[in-house]
C-alpha atoms as a PDB file:
ATOM      1  CA  UNK A   1      -7.660  20.418   9.827  1.00  0.00           C
ATOM      2  CA  UNK A   2      -4.524  21.019   7.725  1.00  0.00           C
ATOM      3  CA  UNK A   3      -4.539  20.829   3.960  1.00  0.00           C
ATOM      4  CA  UNK A   4      -3.586  17.215   3.226  1.00  0.00           C
ATOM      5  CA  UNK A   5      -0.649  16.051   1.162  1.00  0.00           C
ATOM      6  CA  UNK A   6      -2.824  14.792  -1.674  1.00  0.00           C
ATOM      7  CA  UNK A   7      -5.339  17.685  -1.803  1.00  0.00           C
ATOM      8  CA  UNK A   8      -4.899  19.447  -5.094  1.00  0.00           C
ATOM      9  CA  UNK A   9      -3.417  16.346  -6.736  1.00  0.00           C
ATOM     10  CA  UNK A  10      -6.491  14.328  -7.514  1.00  0.00           C
ATOM     11  CA  UNK A  11      -6.180  15.029 -11.273  1.00  0.00           C
ATOM     12  CA  UNK A  12      -2.599  13.735 -11.188  1.00  0.00           C
ATOM     13  CA  UNK A  13      -3.573  10.518  -9.442  1.00  0.00           C
ATOM     14  CA  UNK A  14      -6.562  10.031 -11.728  1.00  0.00           C
ATOM     15  CA  UNK A  15      -4.375  10.500 -14.864  1.00  0.00           C
ATOM     16  CA  UNK A  16      -1.490   8.318 -13.662  1.00  0.00           C
ATOM     17  CA  UNK A  17      -3.466   5.216 -14.601  1.00  0.00           C
ATOM     18  CA  UNK A  18      -3.532   6.359 -18.266  1.00  0.00           C
ATOM     19  CA  UNK A  19       0.003   7.639 -18.616  1.00  0.00           C
ATOM     20  CA  UNK A  20       2.947   5.731 -20.149  1.00  0.00           C
ATOM     21  CA  UNK A  21       5.874   7.218 -18.224  1.00  0.00           C
ATOM     22  CA  UNK A  22       7.979   4.845 -16.026  1.00  0.00           C
ATOM     23  CA  UNK A  23       6.492   5.949 -12.704  1.00  0.00           C
ATOM     24  CA  UNK A  24       2.934   5.583 -14.030  1.00  0.00           C
ATOM     25  CA  UNK A  25       3.602   2.139 -15.436  1.00  0.00           C
ATOM     26  CA  UNK A  26       4.875   0.981 -12.085  1.00  0.00           C
ATOM     27  CA  UNK A  27       1.763   2.371 -10.391  1.00  0.00           C
ATOM     28  CA  UNK A  28      -0.434   0.539 -12.925  1.00  0.00           C
ATOM     29  CA  UNK A  29       1.405  -2.762 -12.472  1.00  0.00           C
ATOM     30  CA  UNK A  30       1.146  -2.324  -8.686  1.00  0.00           C
ATOM     31  CA  UNK A  31      -2.652  -1.898  -9.058  1.00  0.00           C
ATOM     32  CA  UNK A  32      -2.876  -5.023 -11.221  1.00  0.00           C
ATOM     33  CA  UNK A  33      -0.744  -7.032  -8.818  1.00  0.00           C
ATOM     34  CA  UNK A  34      -3.075  -6.125  -5.910  1.00  0.00           C
ATOM     35  CA  UNK A  35      -6.181  -7.086  -7.838  1.00  0.00           C
ATOM     36  CA  UNK A  36      -4.624 -10.417  -8.856  1.00  0.00           C
ATOM     37  CA  UNK A  37      -3.545 -11.096  -5.240  1.00  0.00           C
ATOM     38  CA  UNK A  38      -7.095 -10.512  -4.036  1.00  0.00           C
ATOM     39  CA  UNK A  39      -8.638 -12.721  -6.698  1.00  0.00           C
ATOM     40  CA  UNK A  40      -6.086 -15.465  -6.038  1.00  0.00           C
ATOM     41  CA  UNK A  41      -6.979 -15.655  -2.354  1.00  0.00           C
ATOM     42  CA  UNK A  42     -10.723 -15.505  -2.898  1.00  0.00           C
ATOM     43  CA  UNK A  43     -10.626 -18.209  -5.605  1.00  0.00           C
ATOM     44  CA  UNK A  44     -13.813 -17.076  -7.361  1.00  0.00           C
ATOM     45  CA  UNK A  45     -15.787 -16.171  -4.270  1.00  0.00           C
ATOM     46  CA  UNK A  46     -17.336 -12.752  -3.810  1.00  0.00           C
ATOM     47  CA  UNK A  47     -16.416 -10.691  -0.777  1.00  0.00           C
ATOM     48  CA  UNK A  48     -16.886  -7.427   1.073  1.00  0.00           C
ATOM     49  CA  UNK A  49     -13.607  -5.518   0.726  1.00  0.00           C
ATOM     50  CA  UNK A  50     -12.250  -2.331   2.269  1.00  0.00           C
ATOM     51  CA  UNK A  51      -9.926  -0.196   0.086  1.00  0.00           C
ATOM     52  CA  UNK A  52      -8.156   1.776   2.808  1.00  0.00           C
ATOM     53  CA  UNK A  53      -6.626   4.935   1.341  1.00  0.00           C
ATOM     54  CA  UNK A  54      -8.494   4.487  -1.921  1.00  0.00           C
ATOM     55  CA  UNK A  55      -7.352   7.718  -3.539  1.00  0.00           C
ATOM     56  CA  UNK A  56      -9.328   8.311  -6.725  1.00  0.00           C
ATOM     57  CA  UNK A  57     -10.951   4.835  -6.433  1.00  0.00           C
ATOM     58  CA  UNK A  58      -9.055   3.007  -9.196  1.00  0.00           C
ATOM     59  CA  UNK A  59      -8.546  -0.257  -7.267  1.00  0.00           C
ATOM     60  CA  UNK A  60     -12.047  -0.088  -5.737  1.00  0.00           C
ATOM     61  CA  UNK A  61     -13.575   0.222  -9.230  1.00  0.00           C
ATOM     62  CA  UNK A  62     -11.510  -2.766 -10.535  1.00  0.00           C
ATOM     63  CA  UNK A  63     -12.599  -4.955  -7.633  1.00  0.00           C
ATOM     64  CA  UNK A  64     -16.214  -3.845  -7.892  1.00  0.00           C
ATOM     65  CA  UNK A  65     -16.113  -4.729 -11.608  1.00  0.00           C
ATOM     66  CA  UNK A  66     -15.175  -8.263 -10.626  1.00  0.00           C
ATOM     67  CA  UNK A  67     -18.342  -8.607  -8.543  1.00  0.00           C
ATOM     68  CA  UNK A  68     -17.136  -7.695  -5.095  1.00  0.00           C
ATOM     69  CA  UNK A  69     -18.746  -5.179  -2.747  1.00  0.00           C
ATOM     70  CA  UNK A  70     -16.122  -2.523  -1.994  1.00  0.00           C
ATOM     71  CA  UNK A  71     -15.998   0.326   0.465  1.00  0.00           C
ATOM     72  CA  UNK A  72     -13.399   2.991  -0.348  1.00  0.00           C
ATOM     73  CA  UNK A  73     -11.997   5.002   2.559  1.00  0.00           C
ATOM     74  CA  UNK A  74      -9.995   8.189   1.952  1.00  0.00           C
ATOM     75  CA  UNK A  75      -8.951  11.144   4.107  1.00  0.00           C
ATOM     76  CA  UNK A  76      -8.391  13.676   1.372  1.00  0.00           C
ATOM     77  CA  UNK A  77     -11.695  15.301   0.489  1.00  0.00           C
ATOM     78  CA  UNK A  78     -10.564  16.174  -3.037  1.00  0.00           C
ATOM     79  CA  UNK A  79      -9.424  12.595  -3.777  1.00  0.00           C
ATOM     80  CA  UNK A  80     -12.695  11.270  -2.419  1.00  0.00           C
ATOM     81  CA  UNK A  81     -14.772  13.610  -4.603  1.00  0.00           C
ATOM     82  CA  UNK A  82     -12.768  12.490  -7.655  1.00  0.00           C
ATOM     83  CA  UNK A  83     -13.405   8.836  -6.733  1.00  0.00           C
ATOM     84  CA  UNK A  84     -17.126   9.529  -6.617  1.00  0.00           C
ATOM     85  CA  UNK A  85     -17.036  11.354  -9.965  1.00  0.00           C
ATOM     86  CA  UNK A  86     -15.267   8.460 -11.656  1.00  0.00           C
ATOM     87  CA  UNK A  87     -17.930   5.993 -10.442  1.00  0.00           C
ATOM     88  CA  UNK A  88     -20.433   5.574 -13.225  1.00  0.00           C
ATOM     89  CA  UNK A  89     -23.239   3.781 -11.422  1.00  0.00           C
ATOM     90  CA  UNK A  90     -25.107   6.094  -8.956  1.00  0.00           C
ATOM     91  CA  UNK A  91     -25.750   3.494  -6.223  1.00  0.00           C
ATOM     92  CA  UNK A  92     -22.004   3.059  -5.765  1.00  0.00           C
ATOM     93  CA  UNK A  93     -21.494   6.752  -4.925  1.00  0.00           C
ATOM     94  CA  UNK A  94     -22.405   5.966  -1.328  1.00  0.00           C
ATOM     95  CA  UNK A  95     -19.665   3.268  -1.157  1.00  0.00           C
ATOM     96  CA  UNK A  96     -17.004   5.845  -0.262  1.00  0.00           C
ATOM     97  CA  UNK A  97     -16.317   7.000   3.314  1.00  0.00           C
ATOM     98  CA  UNK A  98     -14.144   9.894   4.492  1.00  0.00           C
ATOM     99  CA  UNK A  99     -11.930   8.949   7.406  1.00  0.00           C
ATOM    100  CA  UNK A 100      -8.449   8.317   8.750  1.00  0.00           C
ATOM    101  CA  UNK A 101      -6.679   4.988   8.426  1.00  0.00           C
ATOM    102  CA  UNK A 102      -5.298   5.341  11.965  1.00  0.00           C
ATOM    103  CA  UNK A 103      -8.811   5.485  13.392  1.00  0.00           C
ATOM    104  CA  UNK A 104     -11.229   3.713  11.024  1.00  0.00           C
ATOM    105  CA  UNK A 105     -14.853   4.795  11.357  1.00  0.00           C
ATOM    106  CA  UNK A 106     -15.963   1.175  10.771  1.00  0.00           C
ATOM    107  CA  UNK A 107     -17.148  -1.737  12.865  1.00  0.00           C
ATOM    108  CA  UNK A 108     -14.730  -4.496  13.933  1.00  0.00           C
ATOM    109  CA  UNK A 109     -14.803  -7.764  11.938  1.00  0.00           C
ATOM    110  CA  UNK A 110     -16.684  -6.175   9.035  1.00  0.00           C
ATOM    111  CA  UNK A 111     -14.696  -7.202   5.950  1.00  0.00           C
ATOM    112  CA  UNK A 112     -13.512 -10.373   4.236  1.00  0.00           C
ATOM    113  CA  UNK A 113     -10.464  -8.562   2.864  1.00  0.00           C
ATOM    114  CA  UNK A 114      -8.697  -5.194   3.252  1.00  0.00           C
ATOM    115  CA  UNK A 115      -6.584  -3.560   0.560  1.00  0.00           C
ATOM    116  CA  UNK A 116      -4.125  -0.792   1.460  1.00  0.00           C
ATOM    117  CA  UNK A 117      -2.104   0.394  -1.548  1.00  0.00           C
ATOM    118  CA  UNK A 118       0.614   3.077  -1.382  1.00  0.00           C
ATOM    119  CA  UNK A 119      -0.361   4.357   2.046  1.00  0.00           C
ATOM    120  CA  UNK A 120       1.425   2.630   4.952  1.00  0.00           C
ATOM    121  CA  UNK A 121       4.949   3.495   3.719  1.00  0.00           C
ATOM    122  CA  UNK A 122       4.078   7.219   3.896  1.00  0.00           C
ATOM    123  CA  UNK A 123       2.611   7.286   7.440  1.00  0.00           C
ATOM    124  CA  UNK A 124       4.729   9.140   9.975  1.00  0.00           C
ATOM    125  CA  UNK A 125       6.656   8.033  13.050  1.00  0.00           C
ATOM    126  CA  UNK A 126       7.664  10.773  15.488  1.00  0.00           C
ATOM    127  CA  UNK A 127       8.491  11.578  19.051  1.00  0.00           C
ATOM    128  CA  UNK A 128       5.558  13.455  20.613  1.00  0.00           C
ATOM    129  CA  UNK A 129       5.850  14.755  24.172  1.00  0.00           C
ATOM    130  CA  UNK A 130       8.646  12.256  24.836  1.00  0.00           C
ATOM    131  CA  UNK A 131       6.785   9.237  23.476  1.00  0.00           C
ATOM    132  CA  UNK A 132       7.150   7.582  20.055  1.00  0.00           C
ATOM    133  CA  UNK A 133       3.910   7.823  18.010  1.00  0.00           C
ATOM    134  CA  UNK A 134       3.900   5.414  15.081  1.00  0.00           C
ATOM    135  CA  UNK A 135       0.937   6.001  12.730  1.00  0.00           C
ATOM    136  CA  UNK A 136       1.924   3.072  10.526  1.00  0.00           C
ATOM    137  CA  UNK A 137       1.692   0.618  13.436  1.00  0.00           C
ATOM    138  CA  UNK A 138      -1.636   2.053  14.536  1.00  0.00           C
ATOM    139  CA  UNK A 139      -2.976   1.823  10.992  1.00  0.00           C
ATOM    140  CA  UNK A 140      -1.998  -1.854  10.762  1.00  0.00           C
ATOM    141  CA  UNK A 141      -3.794  -2.598  14.020  1.00  0.00           C
ATOM    142  CA  UNK A 142      -6.913  -0.837  12.643  1.00  0.00           C
ATOM    143  CA  UNK A 143      -6.806  -2.806   9.424  1.00  0.00           C
ATOM    144  CA  UNK A 144      -6.581  -6.046  11.299  1.00  0.00           C
ATOM    145  CA  UNK A 145      -9.390  -4.983  13.634  1.00  0.00           C
ATOM    146  CA  UNK A 146     -11.950  -4.618  10.826  1.00  0.00           C
ATOM    147  CA  UNK A 147     -11.080  -8.001   9.308  1.00  0.00           C
ATOM    148  CA  UNK A 148     -13.490 -10.871   9.753  1.00  0.00           C
ATOM    149  CA  UNK A 149     -12.083 -14.196  11.085  1.00  0.00           C
ATOM    150  CA  UNK A 150     -10.381 -15.877   8.190  1.00  0.00           C
ATOM    151  CA  UNK A 151      -9.903 -12.552   6.365  1.00  0.00           C
ATOM    152  CA  UNK A 152      -6.725 -11.271   4.747  1.00  0.00           C
ATOM    153  CA  UNK A 153      -4.863  -8.021   3.967  1.00  0.00           C
ATOM    154  CA  UNK A 154      -3.130  -6.963   0.758  1.00  0.00           C
ATOM    155  CA  UNK A 155      -0.663  -4.089   1.271  1.00  0.00           C
ATOM    156  CA  UNK A 156       2.169  -2.485  -0.615  1.00  0.00           C
ATOM    157  CA  UNK A 157       5.538  -1.390   0.728  1.00  0.00           C
ATOM    158  CA  UNK A 158       8.746   0.082  -0.603  1.00  0.00           C
ATOM    159  CA  UNK A 159      12.097  -1.798  -0.803  1.00  0.00           C
ATOM    160  CA  UNK A 160      15.349  -0.177   0.253  1.00  0.00           C
ATOM    161  CA  UNK A 161      17.530  -2.916  -1.328  1.00  0.00           C
ATOM    162  CA  UNK A 162      15.909  -2.898  -4.738  1.00  0.00           C
ATOM    163  CA  UNK A 163      17.877  -4.584  -7.500  1.00  0.00           C
ATOM    164  CA  UNK A 164      18.497  -1.537  -9.681  1.00  0.00           C
ATOM    165  CA  UNK A 165      19.806   0.479  -6.713  1.00  0.00           C
ATOM    166  CA  UNK A 166      22.227  -2.315  -5.802  1.00  0.00           C
ATOM    167  CA  UNK A 167      23.794  -1.852  -9.229  1.00  0.00           C
ATOM    168  CA  UNK A 168      24.195   1.926  -8.747  1.00  0.00           C
ATOM    169  CA  UNK A 169      26.151   3.154  -5.686  1.00  0.00           C
ATOM    170  CA  UNK A 170      24.920   6.736  -6.166  1.00  0.00           C
ATOM    171  CA  UNK A 171      21.236   5.686  -6.058  1.00  0.00           C
ATOM    172  CA  UNK A 172      21.747   3.394  -3.086  1.00  0.00           C
ATOM    173  CA  UNK A 173      23.715   5.991  -1.124  1.00  0.00           C
ATOM    174  CA  UNK A 174      20.978   8.572  -1.797  1.00  0.00           C
ATOM    175  CA  UNK A 175      18.275   6.180  -0.542  1.00  0.00           C
ATOM    176  CA  UNK A 176      20.252   5.361   2.643  1.00  0.00           C
ATOM    177  CA  UNK A 177      20.909   9.026   3.339  1.00  0.00           C
ATOM    178  CA  UNK A 178      17.248   9.819   2.906  1.00  0.00           C
ATOM    179  CA  UNK A 179      16.306   7.092   5.328  1.00  0.00           C
ATOM    180  CA  UNK A 180      18.896   8.308   7.838  1.00  0.00           C
ATOM    181  CA  UNK A 181      17.384  11.841   7.686  1.00  0.00           C
ATOM    182  CA  UNK A 182      13.845  10.445   8.153  1.00  0.00           C
ATOM    183  CA  UNK A 183      14.952   8.438  11.191  1.00  0.00           C
ATOM    184  CA  UNK A 184      16.591  11.572  12.684  1.00  0.00           C
ATOM    185  CA  UNK A 185      13.404  13.546  12.044  1.00  0.00           C
ATOM    186  CA  UNK A 186      11.343  10.831  13.754  1.00  0.00           C
ATOM    187  CA  UNK A 187      13.459  11.057  16.876  1.00  0.00           C
ATOM    188  CA  UNK A 188      13.360  14.841  17.016  1.00  0.00           C
ATOM    189  CA  UNK A 189      10.930  15.750  19.882  1.00  0.00           C
ATOM    190  CA  UNK A 190       7.863  17.880  19.119  1.00  0.00           C
ATOM    191  CA  UNK A 191       5.162  19.180  21.420  1.00  0.00           C
ATOM    192  CA  UNK A 192       1.381  19.165  21.153  1.00  0.00           C
ATOM    193  CA  UNK A 193       1.244  22.835  20.255  1.00  0.00           C
ATOM    194  CA  UNK A 194       3.556  22.244  17.284  1.00  0.00           C
ATOM    195  CA  UNK A 195       2.157  22.461  13.774  1.00  0.00           C
ATOM    196  CA  UNK A 196       3.632  19.040  13.076  1.00  0.00           C
ATOM    197  CA  UNK A 197       1.240  17.184  15.382  1.00  0.00           C
ATOM    198  CA  UNK A 198      -1.756  17.106  13.089  1.00  0.00           C
ATOM    199  CA  UNK A 199      -2.259  13.294  12.733  1.00  0.00           C
ATOM    200  CA  UNK A 200      -4.392  13.732   9.619  1.00  0.00           C
ATOM    201  CA  UNK A 201      -1.328  14.990   7.683  1.00  0.00           C
ATOM    202  CA  UNK A 202       1.477  13.149   5.952  1.00  0.00           C
ATOM    203  CA  UNK A 203       5.093  14.163   6.101  1.00  0.00           C
ATOM    204  CA  UNK A 204       6.745  15.906   3.156  1.00  0.00           C
ATOM    205  CA  UNK A 205       5.592  14.595  -0.241  1.00  0.00           C
ATOM    206  CA  UNK A 206       8.912  12.868  -1.086  1.00  0.00           C
ATOM    207  CA  UNK A 207       9.112  11.033   2.250  1.00  0.00           C
ATOM    208  CA  UNK A 208       8.761   7.251   1.964  1.00  0.00           C
ATOM    209  CA  UNK A 209       9.641   4.627   4.537  1.00  0.00           C
ATOM    210  CA  UNK A 210      11.773   1.965   2.805  1.00  0.00           C
ATOM    211  CA  UNK A 211      12.687  -1.322   4.455  1.00  0.00           C
ATOM    212  CA  UNK A 212      14.953  -4.216   3.753  1.00  0.00           C
ATOM    213  CA  UNK A 213      13.285  -7.647   3.340  1.00  0.00           C
ATOM    214  CA  UNK A 214      14.425  -8.635   6.825  1.00  0.00           C
ATOM    215  CA  UNK A 215      13.027  -5.449   8.320  1.00  0.00           C
ATOM    216  CA  UNK A 216       9.718  -6.033   6.595  1.00  0.00           C
ATOM    217  CA  UNK A 217       9.458  -9.530   8.031  1.00  0.00           C
ATOM    218  CA  UNK A 218      10.262  -8.322  11.551  1.00  0.00           C
ATOM    219  CA  UNK A 219       7.678  -5.516  11.334  1.00  0.00           C
ATOM    220  CA  UNK A 220       4.943  -7.955  10.214  1.00  0.00           C
ATOM    221  CA  UNK A 221       5.979 -10.482  12.875  1.00  0.00           C
ATOM    222  CA  UNK A 222       5.796  -7.771  15.556  1.00  0.00           C
ATOM    223  CA  UNK A 223       2.178  -7.232  14.474  1.00  0.00           C
ATOM    224  CA  UNK A 224       1.421 -10.955  14.501  1.00  0.00           C
ATOM    225  CA  UNK A 225       0.902 -11.096  10.729  1.00  0.00           C
ATOM    226  CA  UNK A 226       1.682 -14.107   8.578  1.00  0.00           C
ATOM    227  CA  UNK A 227       2.942 -13.650   5.011  1.00  0.00           C
ATOM    228  CA  UNK A 228       0.837 -15.655   2.570  1.00  0.00           C
ATOM    229  CA  UNK A 229       2.213 -14.237  -0.687  1.00  0.00           C
ATOM    230  CA  UNK A 230       5.122 -11.881  -1.399  1.00  0.00           C
ATOM    231  CA  UNK A 231       5.023 -10.339  -4.941  1.00  0.00           C
ATOM    232  CA  UNK A 232       7.377  -7.760  -6.443  1.00  0.00           C
ATOM    233  CA  UNK A 233       6.621  -4.952  -8.868  1.00  0.00           C
ATOM    234  CA  UNK A 234       9.148  -2.743 -10.591  1.00  0.00           C
ATOM    235  CA  UNK A 235      12.715  -3.716 -11.520  1.00  0.00           C
ATOM    236  CA  UNK A 236      14.507  -0.633 -12.850  1.00  0.00           C
ATOM    237  CA  UNK A 237      15.099   1.810 -14.400  1.00  0.00           C
ATOM    238  CA  UNK A 238      18.689   0.449 -14.416  1.00  0.00           C
ATOM    239  CA  UNK A 239      21.380   3.064 -13.988  1.00  0.00           C
ATOM    240  CA  UNK A 240      25.055   3.159 -13.123  1.00  0.00           C
ATOM    241  CA  UNK A 241      26.587   6.248 -11.508  1.00  0.00           C
ATOM    242  CA  UNK A 242      23.277   8.009 -12.156  1.00  0.00           C
ATOM    243  CA  UNK A 243      23.240   7.317 -15.901  1.00  0.00           C
ATOM    244  CA  UNK A 244      20.679   5.107 -17.635  1.00  0.00           C
ATOM    245  CA  UNK A 245      22.012   1.838 -18.973  1.00  0.00           C
ATOM    246  CA  UNK A 246      18.979   1.015 -21.098  1.00  0.00           C
ATOM    247  CA  UNK A 247      16.378   2.987 -23.002  1.00  0.00           C
ATOM    248  CA  UNK A 248      13.021   3.672 -21.392  1.00  0.00           C
ATOM    249  CA  UNK A 249      11.185   1.037 -23.423  1.00  0.00           C
ATOM    250  CA  UNK A 250      13.857  -1.598 -22.939  1.00  0.00           C
ATOM    251  CA  UNK A 251      13.861  -0.955 -19.148  1.00  0.00           C
ATOM    252  CA  UNK A 252      10.063  -1.422 -19.093  1.00  0.00           C
ATOM    253  CA  UNK A 253      10.302  -4.718 -21.012  1.00  0.00           C
ATOM    254  CA  UNK A 254      13.121  -5.940 -18.796  1.00  0.00           C
ATOM    255  CA  UNK A 255      11.184  -5.097 -15.646  1.00  0.00           C
ATOM    256  CA  UNK A 256       8.094  -6.920 -16.908  1.00  0.00           C
ATOM    257  CA  UNK A 257      10.200  -9.981 -17.729  1.00  0.00           C
ATOM    258  CA  UNK A 258      11.829 -10.050 -14.300  1.00  0.00           C
ATOM    259  CA  UNK A 259       8.422  -9.746 -12.621  1.00  0.00           C
ATOM    260  CA  UNK A 260       7.219 -12.721 -14.616  1.00  0.00           C
ATOM    261  CA  UNK A 261      10.338 -14.767 -13.733  1.00  0.00           C
ATOM    262  CA  UNK A 262       9.909 -13.900 -10.051  1.00  0.00           C
ATOM    263  CA  UNK A 263       6.447 -15.542 -10.054  1.00  0.00           C
ATOM    264  CA  UNK A 264       7.845 -18.898 -11.124  1.00  0.00           C
ATOM    265  CA  UNK A 265       8.088 -21.677  -8.530  1.00  0.00           C
ATOM    266  CA  UNK A 266      11.544 -21.790  -7.017  1.00  0.00           C
ATOM    267  CA  UNK A 267      12.315 -18.220  -8.043  1.00  0.00           C
ATOM    268  CA  UNK A 268       9.897 -16.371  -5.823  1.00  0.00           C
ATOM    269  CA  UNK A 269      12.671 -14.849  -3.723  1.00  0.00           C
ATOM    270  CA  UNK A 270      13.601 -12.682  -6.706  1.00  0.00           C
ATOM    271  CA  UNK A 271      10.494 -10.597  -5.863  1.00  0.00           C
ATOM    272  CA  UNK A 272      12.323  -9.443  -2.712  1.00  0.00           C
ATOM    273  CA  UNK A 273      14.588  -7.361  -4.997  1.00  0.00           C
ATOM    274  CA  UNK A 274      11.744  -5.456  -6.713  1.00  0.00           C
ATOM    275  CA  UNK A 275      11.182  -1.752  -6.002  1.00  0.00           C
ATOM    276  CA  UNK A 276       7.681  -2.309  -4.615  1.00  0.00           C
ATOM    277  CA  UNK A 277       6.305  -5.264  -2.694  1.00  0.00           C
ATOM    278  CA  UNK A 278       2.725  -6.451  -2.742  1.00  0.00           C
ATOM    279  CA  UNK A 279       2.145  -8.538   0.333  1.00  0.00           C
ATOM    280  CA  UNK A 280      -0.812 -10.791   1.111  1.00  0.00           C
ATOM    281  CA  UNK A 281      -1.122 -11.171   4.894  1.00  0.00           C
ATOM    282  CA  UNK A 282      -3.276 -12.853   7.469  1.00  0.00           C
ATOM    283  CA  UNK A 283      -3.435 -12.390  11.264  1.00  0.00           C
ATOM    284  CA  UNK A 284      -1.490 -15.237  12.861  1.00  0.00           C
ATOM    285  CA  UNK A 285      -3.746 -17.473  14.934  1.00  0.00           C
ATOM    286  CA  UNK A 286      -3.390 -20.879  16.622  1.00  0.00           C
ATOM    287  CA  UNK A 287      -3.517 -23.636  14.000  1.00  0.00           C
ATOM    288  CA  UNK A 288      -6.631 -25.244  15.477  1.00  0.00           C
ATOM    289  CA  UNK A 289      -8.552 -21.906  15.262  1.00  0.00           C
ATOM    290  CA  UNK A 290      -7.751 -21.091  11.657  1.00  0.00           C
ATOM    291  CA  UNK A 291     -10.834 -20.555   9.517  1.00  0.00           C
ATOM    292  CA  UNK A 292     -11.196 -21.402   5.771  1.00  0.00           C
ATOM    293  CA  UNK A 293     -10.593 -18.707   3.209  1.00  0.00           C
ATOM    294  CA  UNK A 294     -13.059 -15.799   3.286  1.00  0.00           C
ATOM    295  CA  UNK A 295     -15.987 -15.607   0.949  1.00  0.00           C
ATOM    296  CA  UNK A 296     -19.062 -16.256   3.065  1.00  0.00           C
ATOM    297  CA  UNK A 297     -21.180 -14.226   0.667  1.00  0.00           C
ATOM    298  CA  UNK A 298     -22.306 -11.578   3.186  1.00  0.00           C
ATOM    299  CA  UNK A 299     -22.985  -8.342   1.435  1.00  0.00           C
ATOM    300  CA  UNK A 300     -24.116  -6.068   4.321  1.00  0.00           C
ATOM    301  CA  UNK A 301     -22.235  -2.769   4.565  1.00  0.00           C
ATOM    302  CA  UNK A 302     -20.481  -2.014   7.851  1.00  0.00           C
END
């Protein structure tokens, strides 16, 4: 197996939740938004939750601290070991599983909820032996497979038409050019004896799939997923022609204010312009078959 993208970076991803730089603050707000989204859907009920692509276990620990049973799944051995080290209570050390999100080593219909934070937008899409192989699509199917009836997903994704890029033509042009290159790479044929075919690997570290709001809706619709909540995290830093308009602290305060405004009734569409989306989803089913919200109290591990 190849060395994974995040091997050797476990210290960085552990420390990002304590840093005060702009990137770290966005990561921290994204974590908080995911936890809030889960709690909002469960409405005080305890659940069995899968944190798919758990990294160093920050979200899993937060949810576990709220009384939920959480299984963290991670492919990177180093990230998984760091997650176990950060878990204080010994019985929880066994609540981490090593495995791939495109082929979950878990039973179907096992979880009330699945969280997938900062993972799907980095999964590759490529032409292998003349056929398109889309790891993101396969991962979504796997996440849905392990959901119990009435369960829900909370995922993150990256926005191409984020507000602060729309104000800066240089930033927007760079993002569009990066996406064009990634699409060209995806269409470039590779063969099974190529070093690029290891499905356990990510693409280059700076590669991120960014979508427009319309593209995000179509992708979810294609996978028969209904959007229950659409939250936005991260407005800014605001620049024009590559130069910062506001100071770091002022940009952080402005971003936090815009996030709060976007949560108000009637202004929810503003969240579509944030840099990162936190989406609460449910498999679309016939109306007469829809179950109540999850929270049946089952605590058995898959």
